[in-house]
Each structure stands twice: as structure tokens, then as C-alpha cells.
N, C-alpha and C. Protein backbone atom coordinates (compact mmCIF):
# COMPACT_ATOMS: atom_id res chain seq x y z
N UNK A 1 15.39 -1.33 -7.71
CA UNK A 1 14.07 -1.59 -7.72
C UNK A 1 13.21 -0.68 -8.62
N UNK A 2 12.10 -1.13 -9.22
CA UNK A 2 11.14 -0.26 -9.83
C UNK A 2 9.73 -0.53 -9.24
N UNK A 3 8.83 0.46 -9.36
CA UNK A 3 7.56 0.42 -8.82
C UNK A 3 6.63 0.87 -10.01
N UNK A 4 5.63 -0.08 -10.09
CA UNK A 4 4.62 0.34 -11.07
C UNK A 4 3.19 0.05 -10.54
N UNK A 5 2.28 0.71 -11.00
CA UNK A 5 0.90 0.62 -10.63
C UNK A 5 0.23 -0.33 -11.66
N UNK A 6 -0.22 -1.43 -11.04
CA UNK A 6 -1.18 -2.35 -11.85
C UNK A 6 -2.60 -1.82 -12.18
N UNK A 7 -3.11 -1.30 -11.13
CA UNK A 7 -4.43 -0.64 -11.10
C UNK A 7 -4.53 0.52 -10.27
N UNK A 8 -5.13 1.57 -10.84
CA UNK A 8 -5.34 2.80 -10.21
C UNK A 8 -6.57 2.77 -9.38
N UNK A 9 -6.62 2.96 -7.95
CA UNK A 9 -7.74 2.82 -7.31
C UNK A 9 -8.59 4.21 -7.36
N UNK A 10 -9.77 4.24 -6.74
CA UNK A 10 -10.75 5.37 -6.68
C UNK A 10 -11.51 5.30 -5.47
N UNK A 11 -11.97 6.44 -5.18
CA UNK A 11 -13.05 6.69 -4.13
C UNK A 11 -13.81 7.81 -4.33
N UNK A 12 -15.06 7.53 -4.55
CA UNK A 12 -16.17 8.50 -5.04
C UNK A 12 -17.26 8.62 -4.19
N UNK A 13 -17.48 9.58 -3.50
CA UNK A 13 -18.71 9.81 -2.72
C UNK A 13 -20.05 9.81 -3.74
N UNK A 14 -21.13 9.26 -3.08
CA UNK A 14 -22.26 9.08 -3.70
C UNK A 14 -23.51 9.98 -3.21
N UNK A 15 -24.45 10.38 -3.91
CA UNK A 15 -25.38 11.14 -3.12
C UNK A 15 -26.21 10.59 -2.19
N UNK A 16 -26.18 9.28 -2.13
CA UNK A 16 -27.04 8.77 -1.08
C UNK A 16 -26.27 8.45 0.20
N UNK A 17 -24.94 9.00 0.33
CA UNK A 17 -24.35 8.95 1.55
C UNK A 17 -23.39 7.85 1.61
N UNK A 18 -23.34 6.85 0.40
CA UNK A 18 -22.42 5.67 0.26
C UNK A 18 -21.35 6.33 -0.55
N UNK A 19 -20.21 5.43 -0.78
CA UNK A 19 -19.20 5.71 -1.62
C UNK A 19 -18.64 4.56 -2.30
N UNK A 20 -18.31 4.80 -3.67
CA UNK A 20 -17.50 3.57 -4.25
C UNK A 20 -16.10 3.75 -4.05
N UNK A 21 -15.49 2.80 -3.83
CA UNK A 21 -14.03 2.65 -3.53
C UNK A 21 -13.37 1.42 -4.02
N UNK A 22 -12.21 1.54 -4.60
CA UNK A 22 -11.35 0.37 -4.74
C UNK A 22 -9.93 0.94 -4.65
N UNK A 23 -9.03 0.06 -4.09
CA UNK A 23 -7.71 0.33 -3.79
C UNK A 23 -6.78 0.23 -4.97
N UNK A 24 -5.71 0.91 -4.97
CA UNK A 24 -4.72 1.03 -5.82
C UNK A 24 -3.91 -0.46 -5.65
N UNK A 25 -3.36 -1.03 -6.75
CA UNK A 25 -2.55 -2.20 -6.70
C UNK A 25 -1.31 -1.80 -7.28
N UNK A 26 -0.27 -2.20 -6.56
CA UNK A 26 1.18 -1.70 -7.00
C UNK A 26 2.06 -2.95 -6.91
N UNK A 27 2.93 -2.80 -7.98
CA UNK A 27 3.91 -3.95 -7.90
C UNK A 27 5.51 -3.44 -7.76
N UNK A 28 6.21 -4.11 -6.90
CA UNK A 28 7.49 -3.65 -6.74
C UNK A 28 8.40 -4.76 -7.23
N UNK A 29 9.38 -4.37 -8.13
CA UNK A 29 10.21 -5.52 -8.84
C UNK A 29 11.66 -5.15 -8.52
N UNK A 30 12.53 -6.13 -8.11
CA UNK A 30 13.98 -5.98 -8.03
C UNK A 30 14.50 -7.13 -7.33
N UNK A 31 15.18 -7.15 -6.39
CA UNK A 31 15.79 -8.35 -5.72
C UNK A 31 14.57 -9.39 -5.37
N UNK A 32 13.52 -8.86 -4.78
CA UNK A 32 12.24 -9.40 -4.41
C UNK A 32 11.13 -8.84 -5.38
N UNK A 33 10.21 -9.60 -5.42
CA UNK A 33 8.85 -9.28 -6.11
C UNK A 33 7.89 -9.14 -5.13
N UNK A 34 7.30 -7.74 -5.03
CA UNK A 34 6.44 -7.54 -3.92
C UNK A 34 5.08 -6.88 -4.48
N UNK A 35 4.06 -7.28 -3.97
CA UNK A 35 2.70 -6.73 -4.35
C UNK A 35 2.23 -6.00 -3.27
N UNK A 36 1.74 -4.79 -3.44
CA UNK A 36 1.16 -3.88 -2.30
C UNK A 36 -0.15 -3.75 -2.65
N UNK A 37 -0.94 -4.14 -1.73
CA UNK A 37 -2.46 -4.14 -1.91
C UNK A 37 -2.82 -5.05 -3.03
N UNK A 38 -3.97 -5.72 -2.77
CA UNK A 38 -4.42 -6.72 -3.86
C UNK A 38 -5.77 -6.29 -4.42
N UNK A 39 -6.28 -5.28 -4.17
CA UNK A 39 -7.58 -4.73 -4.59
C UNK A 39 -8.64 -5.52 -3.96
N UNK A 40 -9.91 -5.26 -4.40
CA UNK A 40 -11.05 -5.96 -3.80
C UNK A 40 -11.32 -7.38 -4.46
N UNK A 41 -12.04 -8.19 -4.00
CA UNK A 41 -12.29 -9.56 -4.46
C UNK A 41 -12.87 -9.36 -6.01
N UNK A 42 -13.39 -8.27 -6.19
CA UNK A 42 -14.06 -8.20 -7.64
C UNK A 42 -12.87 -7.75 -8.55
N UNK A 43 -11.56 -7.52 -8.20
CA UNK A 43 -10.45 -7.25 -9.01
C UNK A 43 -9.63 -8.57 -9.25
N UNK A 44 -10.08 -9.70 -8.88
CA UNK A 44 -9.32 -10.97 -9.04
C UNK A 44 -8.74 -11.04 -10.57
N UNK A 45 -9.70 -10.92 -11.52
CA UNK A 45 -9.24 -11.19 -12.91
C UNK A 45 -8.28 -10.04 -13.40
N UNK A 46 -8.52 -8.79 -13.02
CA UNK A 46 -7.67 -7.54 -13.39
C UNK A 46 -6.31 -7.94 -12.81
N UNK A 47 -6.21 -8.30 -11.53
CA UNK A 47 -4.91 -8.59 -10.86
C UNK A 47 -4.22 -9.67 -11.69
N UNK A 48 -4.79 -10.74 -11.79
CA UNK A 48 -4.14 -11.97 -12.50
C UNK A 48 -3.60 -11.61 -13.96
N UNK A 49 -4.51 -10.83 -14.64
CA UNK A 49 -4.26 -10.36 -16.02
C UNK A 49 -2.91 -9.50 -15.97
N UNK A 50 -3.04 -8.55 -15.02
CA UNK A 50 -1.81 -7.50 -14.94
C UNK A 50 -0.57 -8.31 -14.56
N UNK A 51 -0.52 -9.30 -13.76
CA UNK A 51 0.68 -10.07 -13.47
C UNK A 51 1.08 -10.78 -14.76
N UNK A 52 0.10 -11.50 -15.30
CA UNK A 52 0.44 -12.17 -16.54
C UNK A 52 1.01 -11.51 -17.63
N UNK A 53 0.57 -10.19 -17.89
CA UNK A 53 1.07 -9.23 -18.67
C UNK A 53 2.48 -8.88 -18.44
N UNK A 54 2.94 -9.09 -17.22
CA UNK A 54 4.45 -8.81 -16.83
C UNK A 54 5.12 -10.08 -16.76
N UNK A 55 4.61 -11.17 -17.26
CA UNK A 55 5.31 -12.54 -17.32
C UNK A 55 5.14 -13.08 -15.81
N UNK A 56 4.32 -12.76 -15.02
CA UNK A 56 4.31 -13.16 -13.54
C UNK A 56 3.18 -14.13 -13.32
N UNK A 57 3.29 -14.90 -12.34
CA UNK A 57 2.16 -15.81 -11.84
C UNK A 57 2.10 -15.38 -10.33
N UNK A 58 1.05 -15.80 -9.68
CA UNK A 58 0.96 -15.51 -8.23
C UNK A 58 2.13 -16.33 -7.40
N UNK A 59 2.63 -17.33 -7.94
CA UNK A 59 3.85 -18.04 -7.40
C UNK A 59 5.10 -17.08 -7.38
N UNK A 60 5.21 -16.29 -8.27
CA UNK A 60 6.36 -15.50 -8.37
C UNK A 60 6.50 -14.32 -7.33
N UNK A 61 5.38 -14.08 -6.67
CA UNK A 61 5.28 -13.07 -5.75
C UNK A 61 5.91 -13.55 -4.47
N UNK A 62 6.92 -12.73 -3.90
CA UNK A 62 7.66 -13.07 -2.78
C UNK A 62 7.01 -12.67 -1.41
N UNK A 63 6.37 -11.40 -1.46
CA UNK A 63 5.79 -10.61 -0.44
C UNK A 63 4.56 -10.02 -0.93
N UNK A 64 3.57 -10.05 -0.07
CA UNK A 64 2.21 -9.29 -0.35
C UNK A 64 2.11 -8.39 0.92
N UNK A 65 1.95 -7.02 0.59
CA UNK A 65 1.78 -6.18 1.66
C UNK A 65 0.32 -5.55 1.68
N UNK A 66 -0.59 -5.85 2.51
CA UNK A 66 -1.92 -5.16 2.62
C UNK A 66 -1.68 -4.03 3.58
N UNK A 67 -1.86 -2.91 2.98
CA UNK A 67 -1.55 -1.69 3.82
C UNK A 67 -2.52 -1.47 5.12
N UNK A 68 -3.60 -2.13 4.98
CA UNK A 68 -4.58 -2.01 6.07
C UNK A 68 -5.73 -3.24 5.66
N UNK A 69 -6.47 -3.40 6.66
CA UNK A 69 -7.34 -4.56 6.56
C UNK A 69 -8.76 -4.42 5.83
N UNK A 70 -8.79 -3.34 5.09
CA UNK A 70 -10.09 -3.10 4.41
C UNK A 70 -10.11 -3.97 3.06
N UNK A 71 -11.39 -4.46 2.76
CA UNK A 71 -11.58 -5.46 1.71
C UNK A 71 -11.16 -4.85 0.30
N UNK A 72 -11.16 -3.63 0.07
CA UNK A 72 -10.79 -2.94 -1.09
C UNK A 72 -9.24 -3.01 -1.31
N UNK A 73 -8.47 -3.49 -0.26
CA UNK A 73 -6.99 -3.39 -0.36
C UNK A 73 -6.39 -4.97 -0.09
N UNK A 74 -7.27 -5.60 0.47
CA UNK A 74 -6.77 -7.10 0.73
C UNK A 74 -7.52 -8.38 0.22
N UNK A 75 -8.39 -7.83 -0.81
CA UNK A 75 -9.39 -8.79 -1.12
C UNK A 75 -9.04 -10.09 -1.89
N UNK A 76 -7.84 -10.17 -2.30
CA UNK A 76 -7.25 -11.36 -3.10
C UNK A 76 -5.97 -11.91 -2.36
N UNK A 77 -5.80 -11.72 -1.20
CA UNK A 77 -4.55 -12.35 -0.43
C UNK A 77 -4.62 -13.92 -0.69
N UNK A 78 -5.95 -14.50 -0.92
CA UNK A 78 -5.72 -15.90 -1.10
C UNK A 78 -5.10 -16.37 -2.33
N UNK A 79 -4.80 -15.49 -3.38
CA UNK A 79 -4.04 -15.90 -4.56
C UNK A 79 -2.66 -16.09 -4.28
N UNK A 80 -2.11 -15.75 -2.99
CA UNK A 80 -0.71 -15.88 -2.91
C UNK A 80 -0.43 -16.56 -1.80
N UNK A 81 -0.63 -17.86 -1.56
CA UNK A 81 -0.51 -18.74 -0.38
C UNK A 81 0.96 -19.01 -0.05
N UNK A 82 1.91 -18.89 -1.09
CA UNK A 82 3.36 -19.04 -0.78
C UNK A 82 4.09 -17.90 -0.53
N UNK A 83 3.42 -16.66 -0.70
CA UNK A 83 4.12 -15.45 -0.29
C UNK A 83 4.02 -15.07 1.15
N UNK A 84 5.18 -14.46 1.66
CA UNK A 84 5.16 -13.95 3.02
C UNK A 84 4.12 -12.68 2.85
N UNK A 85 3.46 -12.65 4.00
CA UNK A 85 2.30 -11.61 3.85
C UNK A 85 2.48 -10.67 5.13
N UNK A 86 2.14 -9.46 4.82
CA UNK A 86 2.06 -8.53 5.89
C UNK A 86 0.85 -7.80 5.77
N UNK A 87 -0.02 -7.76 6.73
CA UNK A 87 -1.32 -6.98 6.67
C UNK A 87 -1.19 -6.06 7.96
N UNK A 88 -1.26 -4.80 7.78
CA UNK A 88 -1.11 -3.99 8.92
C UNK A 88 0.20 -4.15 9.76
N UNK A 89 0.00 -4.56 11.04
CA UNK A 89 1.16 -4.98 11.75
C UNK A 89 1.42 -6.39 11.94
N UNK A 90 0.86 -7.17 11.26
CA UNK A 90 1.06 -8.68 11.26
C UNK A 90 1.80 -9.10 10.13
N UNK A 91 2.92 -9.85 10.38
CA UNK A 91 3.71 -10.47 9.44
C UNK A 91 3.56 -12.07 9.48
N UNK A 92 3.16 -12.82 8.37
CA UNK A 92 3.13 -14.21 8.61
C UNK A 92 3.76 -14.77 7.37
N UNK A 93 4.10 -16.09 7.44
CA UNK A 93 4.44 -16.97 6.48
C UNK A 93 3.52 -18.22 6.49
N UNK A 94 2.50 -18.20 5.74
CA UNK A 94 1.44 -19.39 5.95
C UNK A 94 0.72 -18.98 7.32
N UNK A 95 0.60 -19.97 8.07
CA UNK A 95 -0.18 -19.84 9.50
C UNK A 95 1.16 -19.40 10.56
N UNK A 96 2.18 -19.08 10.22
CA UNK A 96 3.22 -18.89 11.33
C UNK A 96 3.48 -17.26 11.32
N UNK A 97 3.04 -16.71 12.35
CA UNK A 97 3.25 -15.24 12.53
C UNK A 97 4.50 -15.01 13.23
N UNK A 98 5.25 -13.83 12.70
CA UNK A 98 6.56 -13.63 13.21
C UNK A 98 6.53 -12.39 14.11
N UNK A 99 7.30 -12.25 15.04
CA UNK A 99 7.35 -11.11 15.90
C UNK A 99 7.90 -9.92 15.21
N UNK A 100 7.48 -8.89 15.55
CA UNK A 100 8.02 -7.72 14.84
C UNK A 100 7.74 -6.35 15.70
N UNK A 101 8.29 -5.20 15.40
CA UNK A 101 8.00 -4.07 16.05
C UNK A 101 7.23 -3.06 15.37
N UNK A 102 6.46 -3.27 14.40
CA UNK A 102 5.65 -2.38 13.68
C UNK A 102 4.52 -1.46 14.84
N UNK A 103 4.09 -2.39 15.67
CA UNK A 103 3.04 -1.74 16.45
C UNK A 103 3.84 -0.75 17.46
N UNK A 104 5.11 -1.07 17.62
CA UNK A 104 5.82 -0.09 18.36
C UNK A 104 6.56 1.00 17.68
N UNK A 105 6.00 1.14 16.39
CA UNK A 105 6.51 2.17 15.53
C UNK A 105 7.91 2.07 14.80
N UNK A 106 8.35 0.73 14.85
CA UNK A 106 9.66 0.35 14.08
C UNK A 106 9.36 -0.04 12.74
N UNK A 107 10.16 0.37 11.76
CA UNK A 107 10.11 -0.14 10.43
C UNK A 107 10.41 -1.57 10.38
N UNK A 108 9.87 -2.29 9.41
CA UNK A 108 10.23 -3.57 9.18
C UNK A 108 11.08 -3.62 7.76
N UNK A 109 12.46 -3.90 7.90
CA UNK A 109 13.39 -3.93 6.70
C UNK A 109 13.27 -5.27 5.93
N UNK A 110 12.72 -5.03 4.62
CA UNK A 110 12.73 -6.15 3.78
C UNK A 110 14.02 -6.39 3.14
N UNK A 111 14.82 -5.26 2.89
CA UNK A 111 16.28 -5.39 2.44
C UNK A 111 16.60 -3.98 2.57
N UNK A 112 17.93 -3.75 1.91
CA UNK A 112 18.57 -2.42 2.25
C UNK A 112 17.66 -1.36 1.30
N UNK A 113 16.88 -1.69 0.49
CA UNK A 113 16.05 -0.83 -0.39
C UNK A 113 14.48 -0.60 -0.09
N UNK A 114 13.99 -1.61 0.68
CA UNK A 114 12.58 -1.70 0.85
C UNK A 114 12.17 -1.78 2.28
N UNK A 115 11.41 -0.99 2.95
CA UNK A 115 10.99 -1.16 4.21
C UNK A 115 9.45 -0.86 4.28
N UNK A 116 8.90 -1.68 5.28
CA UNK A 116 7.47 -1.43 5.55
C UNK A 116 7.42 -0.52 6.76
N UNK A 117 6.69 0.40 6.85
CA UNK A 117 6.71 1.51 7.78
C UNK A 117 5.42 1.73 8.40
N UNK A 118 5.11 1.77 9.74
CA UNK A 118 3.88 1.96 10.22
C UNK A 118 3.39 3.38 9.97
N UNK A 119 2.36 3.55 9.47
CA UNK A 119 1.60 5.03 9.09
C UNK A 119 0.31 4.88 9.56
N UNK A 120 -0.10 4.57 10.92
CA UNK A 120 -1.53 4.53 11.25
C UNK A 120 -2.18 5.85 11.19
N UNK A 121 -3.39 5.83 11.35
CA UNK A 121 -4.34 7.08 11.18
C UNK A 121 -5.58 6.70 10.59
N UNK A 122 -5.57 6.29 9.24
CA UNK A 122 -6.73 5.85 8.57
C UNK A 122 -7.40 4.76 9.50
N UNK A 123 -6.64 3.89 9.78
CA UNK A 123 -6.81 2.78 10.77
C UNK A 123 -5.84 2.77 11.82
N UNK A 124 -5.96 1.91 12.80
CA UNK A 124 -5.06 1.80 13.81
C UNK A 124 -3.72 1.11 13.52
N UNK A 125 -3.92 0.31 12.21
CA UNK A 125 -2.71 -0.61 11.87
C UNK A 125 -2.10 -0.25 10.47
N UNK A 126 -2.31 0.73 10.01
CA UNK A 126 -1.87 1.04 8.55
C UNK A 126 -0.34 1.07 8.44
N UNK A 127 0.09 0.50 7.40
CA UNK A 127 1.51 0.49 6.84
C UNK A 127 1.54 1.05 5.55
N UNK A 128 2.76 1.57 5.28
CA UNK A 128 3.04 2.02 3.93
C UNK A 128 4.61 1.16 3.52
N UNK A 129 4.77 1.15 2.21
CA UNK A 129 6.09 0.54 1.77
C UNK A 129 7.02 1.69 1.18
N UNK A 130 8.17 1.73 1.70
CA UNK A 130 9.05 2.74 1.14
C UNK A 130 9.98 1.96 0.34
N UNK A 131 10.43 2.67 -0.89
CA UNK A 131 11.36 1.87 -1.80
C UNK A 131 12.33 3.17 -2.14
N UNK A 132 13.59 2.77 -1.75
CA UNK A 132 14.68 3.76 -2.10
C UNK A 132 15.53 3.38 -3.22
N UNK A 133 16.04 4.30 -3.87
CA UNK A 133 16.94 4.05 -5.07
C UNK A 133 16.24 3.62 -6.38
N UNK A 134 15.10 4.01 -6.60
CA UNK A 134 14.40 3.90 -7.93
C UNK A 134 14.80 5.00 -8.79
N UNK A 135 14.51 4.85 -10.02
CA UNK A 135 14.80 5.88 -11.05
C UNK A 135 14.09 7.05 -10.77
N UNK A 136 12.91 7.02 -9.92
CA UNK A 136 12.29 8.31 -9.55
C UNK A 136 12.44 8.83 -8.08
N UNK A 137 13.59 8.20 -7.39
CA UNK A 137 14.05 8.56 -6.25
C UNK A 137 13.21 7.63 -5.15
N UNK A 138 12.97 8.19 -4.09
CA UNK A 138 12.34 7.47 -2.90
C UNK A 138 10.81 7.43 -3.03
N UNK A 139 10.18 6.15 -3.30
CA UNK A 139 8.77 5.99 -3.58
C UNK A 139 8.18 5.41 -2.36
N UNK A 140 6.96 5.95 -1.99
CA UNK A 140 6.28 5.54 -0.78
C UNK A 140 4.96 5.14 -1.49
N UNK A 141 4.77 3.69 -1.29
CA UNK A 141 3.29 3.14 -1.61
C UNK A 141 2.56 3.37 -0.33
N UNK A 142 1.64 4.35 -0.42
CA UNK A 142 1.11 4.76 0.97
C UNK A 142 -0.39 4.27 1.54
N UNK A 143 -0.99 3.39 0.77
CA UNK A 143 -2.15 3.08 0.98
C UNK A 143 -3.01 4.15 1.25
N UNK A 144 -3.90 4.24 2.38
CA UNK A 144 -4.82 5.28 2.60
C UNK A 144 -4.29 6.38 3.53
N UNK A 145 -2.96 6.32 3.72
CA UNK A 145 -2.41 7.55 4.43
C UNK A 145 -2.71 8.76 3.46
N UNK A 146 -2.60 8.48 2.08
CA UNK A 146 -3.14 9.45 1.35
C UNK A 146 -4.23 8.88 0.33
N UNK A 147 -5.45 9.36 0.30
CA UNK A 147 -6.51 8.88 -0.63
C UNK A 147 -6.11 9.09 -2.16
N UNK A 148 -5.73 10.35 -2.33
CA UNK A 148 -5.34 10.77 -3.62
C UNK A 148 -4.42 11.95 -3.58
N UNK A 149 -3.86 12.52 -4.62
CA UNK A 149 -3.12 13.57 -4.62
C UNK A 149 -3.82 14.81 -4.16
N UNK A 150 -5.15 14.82 -4.43
CA UNK A 150 -5.99 16.01 -4.28
C UNK A 150 -6.97 15.92 -3.12
N UNK A 151 -6.61 15.01 -2.10
CA UNK A 151 -7.56 14.67 -1.05
C UNK A 151 -7.66 15.79 -0.10
N UNK A 152 -6.83 16.77 -0.11
CA UNK A 152 -7.09 18.18 0.76
C UNK A 152 -7.44 17.49 2.11
N UNK A 153 -8.67 17.95 2.57
CA UNK A 153 -8.98 17.46 3.81
C UNK A 153 -10.15 16.49 3.93
N UNK A 154 -10.24 15.90 2.70
CA UNK A 154 -11.43 14.80 2.54
C UNK A 154 -10.95 13.51 3.31
N UNK A 155 -9.77 13.37 3.32
CA UNK A 155 -9.02 12.14 3.98
C UNK A 155 -9.66 12.19 5.48
N UNK A 156 -9.73 13.17 6.11
CA UNK A 156 -10.17 13.34 7.48
C UNK A 156 -11.56 12.66 7.74
N UNK A 157 -12.39 12.69 6.76
CA UNK A 157 -13.66 11.83 6.99
C UNK A 157 -13.58 10.43 6.99
N UNK A 158 -12.40 9.86 6.66
CA UNK A 158 -12.10 8.36 6.52
C UNK A 158 -11.24 7.90 7.58
N UNK A 159 -10.67 8.91 8.33
CA UNK A 159 -9.70 8.71 9.17
C UNK A 159 -10.20 8.33 10.55
N UNK A 160 -9.73 7.24 11.28
CA UNK A 160 -9.89 6.81 12.60
C UNK A 160 -9.06 7.87 13.68
N UNK A 161 -7.97 8.33 13.39
CA UNK A 161 -7.33 9.21 14.19
C UNK A 161 -6.52 10.30 13.24
N UNK A 162 -7.26 11.44 13.10
CA UNK A 162 -6.86 12.38 12.19
C UNK A 162 -5.36 13.03 12.67
N UNK A 163 -5.34 13.17 13.79
CA UNK A 163 -4.00 13.86 14.39
C UNK A 163 -2.82 12.85 14.04
N UNK A 164 -2.97 11.60 14.30
CA UNK A 164 -1.95 10.62 14.06
C UNK A 164 -1.55 10.48 12.58
N UNK A 165 -2.72 10.56 11.69
CA UNK A 165 -2.61 10.48 10.21
C UNK A 165 -1.90 11.63 9.79
N UNK A 166 -2.31 12.99 10.28
CA UNK A 166 -1.55 14.16 9.96
C UNK A 166 -0.08 14.11 10.15
N UNK A 167 0.26 13.65 11.23
CA UNK A 167 1.70 13.49 11.57
C UNK A 167 2.43 12.59 10.54
N UNK A 168 1.84 11.37 10.36
CA UNK A 168 2.31 10.49 9.31
C UNK A 168 2.31 11.01 7.82
N UNK A 169 1.47 11.81 7.46
CA UNK A 169 1.19 12.47 6.20
C UNK A 169 2.47 13.55 6.09
N UNK A 170 2.76 14.23 7.10
CA UNK A 170 3.91 15.33 7.02
C UNK A 170 5.29 14.50 7.02
N UNK A 171 5.43 13.51 7.77
CA UNK A 171 6.63 12.72 7.50
C UNK A 171 7.00 12.23 6.10
N UNK A 172 5.70 11.67 5.63
CA UNK A 172 5.88 11.12 4.19
C UNK A 172 6.25 12.26 3.27
N UNK A 173 5.54 13.39 3.32
CA UNK A 173 6.00 14.53 2.42
C UNK A 173 7.41 15.06 2.56
N UNK A 174 7.96 14.87 3.75
CA UNK A 174 9.46 15.12 3.75
C UNK A 174 10.30 14.24 3.35
N UNK A 175 10.06 12.84 3.20
CA UNK A 175 10.92 11.80 2.96
C UNK A 175 10.70 11.17 1.56
N UNK A 176 9.46 11.17 0.95
CA UNK A 176 9.31 10.64 -0.39
C UNK A 176 9.47 11.72 -1.47
N UNK A 177 9.92 11.17 -2.61
CA UNK A 177 9.94 11.87 -3.93
C UNK A 177 8.61 11.57 -4.74
N UNK A 178 8.01 10.54 -4.54
CA UNK A 178 6.78 10.02 -5.34
C UNK A 178 5.87 9.23 -4.28
N UNK A 179 4.53 9.55 -4.34
CA UNK A 179 3.66 8.93 -3.39
C UNK A 179 2.89 8.24 -4.24
N UNK A 180 2.42 7.07 -4.00
CA UNK A 180 1.45 6.29 -4.61
C UNK A 180 0.25 6.13 -3.60
N UNK A 181 -0.71 7.01 -3.87
CA UNK A 181 -1.91 6.98 -2.83
C UNK A 181 -2.94 5.65 -2.98
N UNK A 182 -3.74 5.41 -2.03
CA UNK A 182 -4.58 4.39 -2.02
C UNK A 182 -5.70 4.22 -2.87
N UNK A 183 -5.96 5.52 -3.46
CA UNK A 183 -7.07 5.73 -4.39
C UNK A 183 -7.01 6.58 -5.45
N UNK A 184 -5.70 6.61 -6.08
CA UNK A 184 -5.60 7.55 -7.09
C UNK A 184 -4.20 7.37 -7.81
N UNK A 185 -3.92 8.31 -8.80
CA UNK A 185 -2.58 8.26 -9.35
C UNK A 185 -1.41 8.57 -8.66
N UNK A 186 -0.37 8.19 -8.82
CA UNK A 186 0.91 8.53 -8.05
C UNK A 186 1.22 10.10 -8.34
N UNK A 187 1.82 10.71 -7.46
CA UNK A 187 2.19 12.11 -7.58
C UNK A 187 3.57 12.27 -7.03
N UNK A 188 4.17 13.28 -7.74
CA UNK A 188 5.53 13.68 -7.28
C UNK A 188 5.56 14.84 -6.15
N UNK A 189 6.17 14.67 -5.12
CA UNK A 189 6.08 15.51 -4.09
C UNK A 189 7.01 16.71 -4.40
N UNK A 190 6.54 18.00 -4.26
CA UNK A 190 7.25 19.26 -4.52
C UNK A 190 7.55 19.83 -3.34
N UNK A 191 8.88 20.16 -2.85
CA UNK A 191 9.24 20.74 -1.86
C UNK A 191 9.61 22.28 -2.33
N UNK A 192 9.40 23.16 -1.34
CA UNK A 192 9.60 24.51 -1.70
C UNK A 192 10.72 25.10 -0.76
């Protein structure tokens, strides 16, 4: 498998108390073709062009994972009606929802290399996608578990449950070699 970033997200606080935000869009290719987060509805053309640049159409996507239900992460789900969809702890194929154990803390195995793992905190139903065996090692497409490589404590301001998110962040830092955050460039995990 390989993992590439189609669009780097951002999150920028504004002086009026609002913030500008758009989620990172990632593509996982291998045995299956997986899109992680679709960006906001305003990203439609960028997303379609990025797929086209790689010789892909929306019909080529087998699985779309929305790391959580915010519009800057799932704003283009409608472009992939034939793909299996995971948003938070819900797994569906069209209008058929599949039972799973994500809400009970169990991973959902896509295959031997790719798993969807529950990583709540930012919201109550966040997930991340773990990809093993890439040329960069274990890659975690983390959604808003990590806002960016330099989020220090700013992630806390956007967290529903800081304690739970902190536990999941520490787990991620122990198991991933590379993390793709929800609003920034990928970063390599350095262990000392």
C-alpha cells in the first residue's frame, strides 16, 4: 500500500473568534483504493481533479472513510455512491448499515494492512486509518486526533473530551511511524 495526500488541510484562528478550516484529503492505494476524508463541499473540484490526475474516477474508490462528521471532512461523500462508507462508527454500503464494534473500541479490519481504528476525543466518534507495510512504515491517517504536527495544546480547544483524545494521541505516537493530521502536513514520529 501507499498513502498520498491529495490536499493539505488547514485550521487558522481569526481575530474575530472564528476560524478558517478545511480537512486534509488522503488517498490510500493498494489492493483497495481508499479515500480518507473528502474535504468540504467547496473542495469538490479540487478533489475530482486530484483523482483525475492519478487516473482515477469516483467509481474507482472502494472505500471512503470520514474520520468524523464535520463538514470539512465529509463534504463530498455524495461523489462516491458506489463506495463502502465509514463515517465515525457507522459502516454502510448504500443504505445498508453493517454491524461493527468500533463503538466498543474494536478496530475494523479492511484487510491485513489497513484498519479503521476508533480514536474519539475531538468528537465522540472519531476514527483514524492505520496502514501497515508502506515504504514509510506504519502510517496513521489521523483526522483531527492531531490537528497538525505543531498543535501542542491548541487541539484541546477543539476537543469534546481532552482526556480521551490525549490517551488516543499517545497510542498513535507509540504505534505510527508517520501521522497525517487533519489540518496539516504529514509528520514523522520521532521516538527517543
